[in-house]
């Protein structure tokens, strides 16, 4: 099983940027696809973005499309989430996760139930 650790969260003003990292260890030989989710206070966890192992395909939730970019460096076993033009509503704990099933489309990547390995999360706070 792969272990995931997020980092890079923090406090930023609206309009600012942050880059989150998701470092993988353990069974990384298979280079799993990775998804990003977030959970705001009092809300359910929601899908943010995903990237396939080859970086051939990326998927984004409508709320972040055009502002967030997901990428990966397989040599470093790390996936990144570049977040630009941040808004107060982006405030949440951000998690990265690896699917336990083979996904082919947005619907699959966006479903939390399809993920088997989760990181501990990193807090992102955007002030207005």
Foldseek 3Di string as FASTA:
>chain_A
DKAWAKDWADEEAAQAKTKMKIAIDDPCPVQFKKWKWWDDPPGDIWTAKIAGSVSPDIDGDPVQPPFWDWDDDSVRRMIMIIGGRDDQVVWTWMKMFGFPDDDDDDVLRGDPVRTDYMHPTDTHGYHD
